[in-house]
Amino acid sequence: MYKILKAEFLADNIFLMEIEAPRVAKSCEPGQFIIAKIDENGERIPLTISDYDRERGMVQIVVQIIGASTKKMSELKTGDYLEDFVGPLGCPSDLVTDDIEDVKKKKILFVAGGLGTAPVYPQVKWLHEHGIAADVIVGAKTKDLVILEKEMQEVAGNLYITTDDGSYGRGGMVTDTIKYLVNDLGKKYDHCVAIGPMIMMKFVCLLTKELGIHTIVSVNPIMVDGTGMCGACRVQVGNEVKFACVDGPEFDGHLVDFDQAMKRQQMYKTQEGRAMLALTEGATHKNGGCGCGGDK
């Protein structure tokens, strides 16, 4: 059993948890993920590590409510327990494993979209702790969905907040801010890390390819089982087939076939929708009158 040390909502349908997991905290690195399970009958949920503290034995996760399992998890409080909390899984970020002197020579830009801010944060924090300042763009649909702004401000070289509706920070898409930094401010970047919705990463990569900026993306949104057995996170990277959970979750964004990955991602939404209906409607959800097929 794994004790929840802290549980709080960061925004509508997005919550943060700090979990007591000393063995995971001891060996995890930025870019990796864990698999959590609420109880013995619960679904295995792959979640990217958003922070950790080795001395406290704490691992932090940020979760968006998507289906029945994440809804149940959001109802847990400080002092409650998770049945399983397995990790670290996946490969650490290249910035963590590459020679530190080579990393120090790079001009680095992070682009975080929505929940992608959570996995971006530990990478930026790690660089900050090693004396490397990176620029960070954090994008959200609206002001109320901006998360971890204070934490990111403390570790980023420069932080640029953007909102699609212009309610906070710069208005427009994250790609607009990339163009502003490069074209208007004359900034030059050697390396970009983009993490967020698949469609956001696709368009960031199209732009950075034009600008000649090497770009890494994290394909964690398409993971399901997290062990390589289910095949859900199959992704085409150049001429190779990779699996995000065991080969990644980070890959060269200019080689990822985003259109194929997004089609595979859509395959699982119906299942999530049915699980959520079954949870919220209880015994009334049995005849398929809503058109979803009921329990079939």
Foldseek 3Di string as FASTA:
>chain_A
DKFWQFWDAFFVQKIKTKIQAQVALQDDAQFFWKWFAADPPGFTHIFGFLDHDNVRSITMTMDGDQFDRSVVVNPDGHGDDTPDIDDRFFDHDPCVVPDVVVSQPFAEEEEAEQSSNRSVLRVLQVCQVVVHAYEYEYEYQADRRGGPPVSSVVRHPHYAYEHCPCRDGHHHAPVVVVCCCCVVVVDDGQEYEYEDDLVNLLVVLVVCVVVVHWYKYFQVLQDGRLPCPPCRQWWFFAPDTDRCNHHHSIDGSNRTPSVVNVVSSVVCSLVRVLRRCCVVVPPVQADCPVVSRGPD
